[in-house]
Amino acid sequence: MMRVKNFGIFLCLVLVGLITAISINAQGVIVPIICDVRPCRPIPRPRPVPIPNALPVKSIELDTKINGQVATTHVEQVFRNDTPYTLEGTYFFPIPETASIIEFAIWENGKKLVGEVRSREEARRIYDVIVRRQRDPGLLEYAGKDLFQASIFPIPPHSDKKLEITYSQVLKAESGTVAYRYPLGTGRNLWANNNPRIENVSARNTVGTQKFGTVSGKVEIVGREALRNIYSPSHSIDVKNKGEKSASVSFETSNNDNDFQLFYGLSSNDFGMSLLTYREAGKDGYFLLQLSPKDDIAERELVSKDIVFVLDTSGSMNEEGKMEKARSALLFGIRNLRDGDRFNVINFAGEEHLMETGLIAANSEGKRRGEEFVKKLTPTGGTNINDALKASLRQFDSSDRTKLLVFMTDGLPTVGESNVEKIIQNAKEIKVDGLRLFTFGVGYDVNSRLLDRLAAENSGVAEYIEPKE
C-alpha cells in the first residue's frame, strides 16, 4: 500500500498536462481544455463546439471491502468526450484525509496502465520530455487538502476515457456506529470563484456542472463484532446478511449525484479491542490497534463539565438555511446538559457577544436563559474568529473540571486578525489546562487548515457539514 504525502506523484504511461487546482469536495471529475495538435483548418472555420466545464460521467462502479474499520475502495469511472476535439483534462479526485492511495490507472486502447510513485520534480521532468515527444504519460499528484489530481491527454473526440483508483481508509466509529461515505457531487460543487490560483479572471466566475450517468456499487462488510442496523440515508440499498458478522450491500442509481452514505452499528460489549497487522517481505511492518469503550455508561460514571458554545452569526449564515441548522444543534446541546454542568454561549460576527460574563449552572433556569439567547440570534456582519476565540477561552477557570469548547463557523476570518498562524498563537497564549476544542465547519468556504489545527492542538476533533446536510 502506497502512502502519497505532500506532493508525491503517480506516473503512468498516459500523457498529462499541468493545470491549476480548483476547489473540489466530491467524486472524480475531469476539467477539460482543447488540445488539438492537428493543423489549423483554412478560414472560414466552422462555429466552435462549446467545451463543458466538466466532462460528463458515463458510469461509476464502486467496489468497497470493509474489514473491521478499514475500508478499501476501488472505483472505475468512465468519462465521455462528446466534442469533436482532442482534449487535455485535469482529473481531480478527493479522498478522505486519512486515506492512502493504493493504485491509480488509466485505460488506453484497451490496456490498463498502472502508475508508479515519483517525486514531484522527477514527474515534471518526465512529463516535459514525453510531451515534447507527443507520447502518453499520466500524473496523479497531491493537489491540496484531501485532493489528488492527474492530468490526462489525449482524450480523443467522441470517445470514452476510463480511469481506476483504489484507496484505503480507517472509518470513524462513534457511539458504536461506523460511517462510510463516497462523495459524488464534484461537478455540482466545482467552482473557480475567487480562487487566487486561477489566473484567468473569467474562469473564476465560471460555475461548473457535471452530468451523471449510472452509479452502482457494492460494499462487503466483515466485522469483528455482530453487525446491526445497516442503512443508507442517501440511497435505496439491498442488504444481504451473511451470518452475524458479515453482510453485503449493493445499490444502483442514475442521474443522481447525491453522496453515497452507509451506516452500521456494532454490538456493545463492555470493552472491545482489535489488532490488524501488515508486513511486506524485507520491510518493516505496520499494525493498527483499535480500542472501543462501552457505550452504556452509568450516570454515576459521568463527570460534571464546563462547556462554552461559540456560534458564528455573520451575514453568510443566512444562506442555505445554515443559521437554523446551527441554532437547532446549539439548542439540542443546551437541552442535553446535565445537572452539575456549567456553560455559556457566545455569538460573534464583527465582534463577540456573551450570553453571560461567566459560566452559569445548567439547571432549569440556566437552560431557559440559554435557549432564549440562542433563539434571538440574527446573522449580520463579518467574521472575527480571532477575538471570538480569545473571549471563549477566557471563560474557563483553573479548576480541574472537564473543559469543552464547541466552535461553529461557516467562513474565513474577514474582520480583525486573519493570519492563521497568528490566530493559533493567540489561542495558545491563553492557556487552559485540560481543554478539548471541537470545531464545526459549515459550508464550503471554511478555513479547514485553521479549524483542523485548533482541534488537533487542543485534543479535539474537526467536523465539516455541507449546507444541505
Foldseek 3Di string as FASTA:
>chain_A
DAAADDWKKWKWFAAFDDDADFDFDAAKWKQKDFDAPDDDDDPPDDDADDDARTFAWAEKEWEWEAEAQKIKIKIKTKTWAQGQGWIKIKMKGFADQQKGWDWKWKDDPNDTIIIDIDGPVVNVVVNVVCVVVVTGMKMWTANDRRMIMIIGPTDHHGDMIMMMTMMMGGFDADLQKTKDKHAQFGQVPTAQAPPVRDPDPVRRPDRGHYWKFKYKYKYKFFHPAFKADKDWPFFDWDWDDDPRGIIMIIGMDTRDRHMTMIMIGGDFDQKDKDKDKDDDPPDDIDMDIDIDHGNDDDPVPDFAAEEEEEEEQAQVCVPLVNLVVVLVVQLVVLVPHDFRYWYWYWYDALAIDTLDQETDTSDPVVSVSVNVVSVPRHHHHHHAPLRSLLSRLVRDDQDPHAYEYEHEDAAAHDHDDRDLVVSLVSNVVSDDPNYAYEYEYEASHYPVVSRCCVRVVGVHYYYYYYSND
